[in-house]
Amino acid sequence: MPFDLAVYTTTAITLIVIMDPPGQIPVFLSLVGKRSPEYRRRAAWQAPLVSLFVISVFAIAGRWILDYLHVSIPALQGAGGLLLLLVALQLLTGSGEPSTAKADEQVNVALVPLGTPLLAGPGAIAAVIVAVAGAHGDAGAYLAIAAGIVTAHLVVCLALLYSTSLIRILKVSGITLLAKIAGLLLAAIAVQLIATSVMGFVDQAHDQALGLLG
């Protein structure tokens, strides 16, 4: 059972690129910047932990879960895109203030939207499912995939933990500005996910049509 270094490197780099730790910092700061330091530190490791759990579940049983629920990857991308779009609109418009401010304080943002769908999003889930499918029963490849998943989440955790030091520099006004920028970027990512979902459905319909003609 030799450890497959190529699979490990590919999996880790792919997930790091998809999760984009530097790109998560503005969103993280905009969501937790006004909360207590203890909450920020807890969210910095809880979010990657939630993502690790979700991605591990899909790595082990992802294809079976999607097939059992009759859910396709494009459908997963579309759902993630819509959820991200709602989060982006809240960041851009500042909705939830002040009437729901108390309720917002009770929401653990490390679960949603940080843990999922920002970290454990459709792209990361799809990448892991494809990687596992390509292992073809090789135990060394499975071990390399698992190590790559853990490595990617450690990188994300370090990025979020050290991002809290920026809060002392940015202050409330800077965090508010980052929230608007993050909302705009999230809206663009959400639209891209929805567009990719639509293209995926089109490709599926095209393949089905070719199958019927063949």
Protein backbone atom coordinates (compact mmCIF):
# COMPACT_ATOMS: atom_id res chain seq x y z
CA MET A 1 0.00 0.00 0.00
CA PRO A 2 2.48 2.68 -1.14
CA PHE A 3 1.50 6.29 -0.48
CA ASP A 4 0.65 7.98 -3.78
CA LEU A 5 2.42 11.34 -3.60
CA ALA A 6 1.04 12.51 -6.95
CA VAL A 7 -2.55 11.92 -5.84
CA TYR A 8 -1.87 13.66 -2.52
CA THR A 9 -0.38 16.72 -4.22
CA THR A 10 -3.16 16.93 -6.78
CA THR A 11 -5.91 16.57 -4.19
CA ALA A 12 -4.41 19.09 -1.76
CA ILE A 13 -3.66 21.73 -4.39
CA THR A 14 -7.06 21.30 -6.05
CA LEU A 15 -8.94 21.75 -2.78
CA ILE A 16 -6.78 24.71 -1.69
CA VAL A 17 -7.43 26.45 -5.01
CA ILE A 18 -11.18 25.76 -4.82
CA MET A 19 -11.50 26.80 -1.16
CA ASP A 20 -9.26 29.84 -1.75
CA PRO A 21 -8.09 30.53 1.86
CA PRO A 22 -6.95 34.14 1.11
CA GLY A 23 -10.29 34.84 -0.54
CA GLN A 24 -12.17 33.56 2.51
CA ILE A 25 -10.52 36.08 4.82
CA PRO A 26 -12.68 39.11 3.81
CA VAL A 27 -15.86 37.03 4.18
CA PHE A 28 -14.70 35.66 7.52
CA LEU A 29 -13.88 39.13 8.84
CA SER A 30 -17.17 40.56 7.62
CA LEU A 31 -19.13 37.81 9.40
CA VAL A 32 -17.25 37.59 12.71
CA GLY A 33 -15.32 40.88 12.90
CA LYS A 34 -17.79 42.51 15.28
CA ARG A 35 -18.02 39.52 17.61
CA SER A 36 -15.91 38.68 20.63
CA PRO A 37 -12.30 37.46 20.22
CA GLU A 38 -13.27 34.11 21.73
CA TYR A 39 -16.04 33.69 19.16
CA ARG A 40 -13.70 34.61 16.30
CA ARG A 41 -11.05 32.10 17.39
CA ARG A 42 -13.67 29.40 17.83
CA ALA A 43 -15.17 30.09 14.40
CA ALA A 44 -11.69 30.01 12.83
CA TRP A 45 -11.29 26.33 13.65
CA GLN A 46 -14.96 25.30 13.71
CA ALA A 47 -15.56 26.31 10.08
CA PRO A 48 -12.73 24.15 8.66
CA LEU A 49 -13.81 21.32 10.99
CA VAL A 50 -17.36 21.46 9.67
CA SER A 51 -16.05 21.55 6.11
CA LEU A 52 -13.74 18.61 6.82
CA PHE A 53 -16.67 16.57 8.14
CA VAL A 54 -18.92 17.37 5.18
CA ILE A 55 -16.24 16.70 2.57
CA SER A 56 -15.19 13.48 4.33
CA VAL A 57 -18.77 12.23 4.25
CA PHE A 58 -19.02 12.94 0.53
CA ALA A 59 -15.58 11.41 -0.07
CA ILE A 60 -16.75 8.17 1.53
CA ALA A 61 -20.33 7.99 0.32
CA GLY A 62 -20.80 10.99 -1.98
CA ARG A 63 -21.65 9.18 -5.18
CA TRP A 64 -24.03 6.85 -3.35
CA ILE A 65 -25.75 9.75 -1.57
CA LEU A 66 -26.25 11.74 -4.78
CA ASP A 67 -27.44 8.69 -6.71
CA TYR A 68 -29.82 7.66 -3.91
CA LEU A 69 -31.35 11.14 -3.79
CA HIS A 70 -31.27 11.41 -7.60
CA VAL A 71 -29.25 14.62 -7.27
CA SER A 72 -26.76 15.54 -9.97
CA ILE A 73 -23.60 17.62 -9.61
CA PRO A 74 -25.21 20.51 -11.57
CA ALA A 75 -28.13 20.48 -9.11
CA LEU A 76 -25.68 20.62 -6.23
CA GLN A 77 -23.90 23.55 -7.88
CA GLY A 78 -27.18 25.38 -8.46
CA ALA A 79 -28.28 24.96 -4.84
CA GLY A 80 -24.91 26.19 -3.57
CA GLY A 81 -25.05 29.15 -5.92
CA LEU A 82 -28.50 30.21 -4.72
CA LEU A 83 -27.47 29.92 -1.07
CA LEU A 84 -24.33 31.96 -1.68
CA LEU A 85 -26.39 34.58 -3.52
CA LEU A 86 -28.63 35.00 -0.46
CA VAL A 87 -25.57 35.46 1.77
CA ALA A 88 -24.09 37.95 -0.71
CA LEU A 89 -27.30 40.02 -0.75
CA GLN A 90 -27.30 40.14 3.06
CA LEU A 91 -23.70 41.39 3.08
CA LEU A 92 -24.39 43.99 0.40
CA THR A 93 -27.64 45.34 1.83
CA GLY A 94 -26.83 44.91 5.52
CA SER A 95 -30.17 43.18 6.06
CA GLY A 96 -30.95 41.95 9.52
CA GLU A 97 -30.19 45.21 11.31
CA PRO A 98 -31.39 46.10 13.76
CA SER A 99 -34.62 44.09 14.11
CA THR A 100 -32.96 40.68 13.76
CA ALA A 101 -29.62 41.58 15.28
CA LYS A 102 -30.32 39.46 18.34
CA ALA A 103 -31.22 36.46 16.22
CA ASP A 104 -28.12 36.92 14.13
CA GLU A 105 -25.94 36.79 17.24
CA GLN A 106 -27.38 33.33 17.97
CA VAL A 107 -26.45 31.98 14.56
CA ASN A 108 -23.20 30.05 14.36
CA VAL A 109 -21.70 31.35 11.13
CA ALA A 110 -19.00 28.67 11.35
CA LEU A 111 -21.68 26.20 10.25
CA VAL A 112 -23.43 28.29 7.57
CA PRO A 113 -22.17 29.96 5.46
CA LEU A 114 -18.50 29.48 6.41
CA GLY A 115 -18.30 25.72 6.86
CA THR A 116 -20.73 25.12 4.05
CA PRO A 117 -21.19 26.21 1.29
CA LEU A 118 -18.17 28.56 1.31
CA LEU A 119 -15.59 25.90 2.21
CA ALA A 120 -17.41 22.63 1.63
CA GLY A 121 -19.10 23.92 -1.50
CA PRO A 122 -20.22 22.17 -4.68
CA GLY A 123 -16.80 22.57 -6.28
CA ALA A 124 -14.90 20.98 -3.40
CA ILE A 125 -17.47 18.19 -3.02
CA ALA A 126 -17.43 17.42 -6.74
CA ALA A 127 -13.61 17.44 -6.80
CA VAL A 128 -13.43 14.95 -3.93
CA ILE A 129 -16.03 12.66 -5.49
CA VAL A 130 -14.10 12.66 -8.77
CA ALA A 131 -10.79 12.00 -6.96
CA VAL A 132 -12.22 9.04 -5.06
CA ALA A 133 -13.76 7.63 -8.22
CA GLY A 134 -10.36 7.85 -9.91
CA ALA A 135 -8.63 5.88 -7.14
CA HIS A 136 -10.09 2.63 -8.52
CA GLY A 137 -9.84 0.78 -5.21
CA ASP A 138 -6.16 1.61 -4.59
CA ALA A 139 -5.66 1.85 -0.81
CA GLY A 140 -2.56 4.03 -1.24
CA ALA A 141 -4.53 6.47 -3.38
CA TYR A 142 -7.34 6.59 -0.82
CA LEU A 143 -4.82 7.37 1.92
CA ALA A 144 -3.28 10.11 -0.24
CA ILE A 145 -6.72 11.64 -0.89
CA ALA A 146 -7.48 11.65 2.84
CA ALA A 147 -4.14 13.31 3.59
CA GLY A 148 -4.76 15.90 0.87
CA ILE A 149 -8.18 16.75 2.32
CA VAL A 150 -6.71 17.20 5.82
CA THR A 151 -3.83 19.32 4.50
CA ALA A 152 -6.17 21.67 2.63
CA HIS A 153 -8.27 22.22 5.75
CA LEU A 154 -5.20 22.88 7.89
CA VAL A 155 -4.18 25.62 5.45
CA VAL A 156 -7.67 27.14 5.65
CA CYS A 157 -7.65 26.96 9.45
CA LEU A 158 -4.31 28.79 9.67
CA ALA A 159 -5.53 31.47 7.26
CA LEU A 160 -8.64 32.13 9.34
CA LEU A 161 -6.83 32.05 12.67
CA TYR A 162 -4.28 34.65 11.58
CA SER A 163 -6.93 36.78 9.88
CA THR A 164 -8.26 37.80 13.29
CA SER A 165 -5.15 39.92 13.82
CA LEU A 166 -6.33 42.11 10.93
CA ILE A 167 -9.41 43.05 12.92
CA ARG A 168 -7.36 45.21 15.28
CA ILE A 169 -6.05 47.15 12.28
CA LEU A 170 -9.22 47.41 10.20
CA LYS A 171 -11.64 48.41 12.99
CA VAL A 172 -15.41 48.46 12.41
CA SER A 173 -15.32 50.75 9.37
CA GLY A 174 -12.78 48.57 7.61
CA ILE A 175 -14.76 45.42 8.34
CA THR A 176 -17.90 47.07 6.96
CA LEU A 177 -16.04 47.92 3.77
CA LEU A 178 -14.77 44.34 3.51
CA ALA A 179 -18.32 43.10 3.98
CA LYS A 180 -19.46 45.05 0.92
CA ILE A 181 -16.51 43.84 -1.15
CA ALA A 182 -17.03 40.27 0.02
CA GLY A 183 -20.72 40.50 -0.83
CA LEU A 184 -19.91 41.61 -4.37
CA LEU A 185 -17.37 38.82 -4.83
CA LEU A 186 -19.75 36.23 -3.37
CA ALA A 187 -22.50 37.40 -5.71
CA ALA A 188 -20.17 36.90 -8.67
CA ILE A 189 -19.18 33.42 -7.42
CA ALA A 190 -22.85 32.54 -6.90
CA VAL A 191 -23.80 33.62 -10.42
CA GLN A 192 -20.88 31.62 -11.82
CA LEU A 193 -22.02 28.53 -9.91
CA ILE A 194 -25.56 28.95 -11.21
CA ALA A 195 -24.28 29.43 -14.77
CA THR A 196 -22.10 26.32 -14.44
CA SER A 197 -25.13 24.45 -13.13
CA VAL A 198 -27.21 25.49 -16.14
CA MET A 199 -24.44 24.45 -18.53
CA GLY A 200 -24.22 21.12 -16.72
CA PHE A 201 -27.92 20.52 -17.21
CA VAL A 202 -27.57 21.43 -20.89
CA ASP A 203 -24.71 18.96 -21.28
CA GLN A 204 -26.73 16.25 -19.55
CA ALA A 205 -29.68 16.87 -21.85
CA HIS A 206 -27.37 16.77 -24.86
CA ASP A 207 -25.85 13.46 -23.75
CA GLN A 208 -29.30 11.98 -23.16
CA ALA A 209 -30.43 13.11 -26.59
CA LEU A 210 -27.39 11.51 -28.19
CA GLY A 211 -28.08 8.34 -26.25
CA LEU A 212 -31.62 8.18 -27.52
CA LEU A 213 -30.50 8.81 -31.11
CA GLY A 214 -27.78 6.20 -30.78
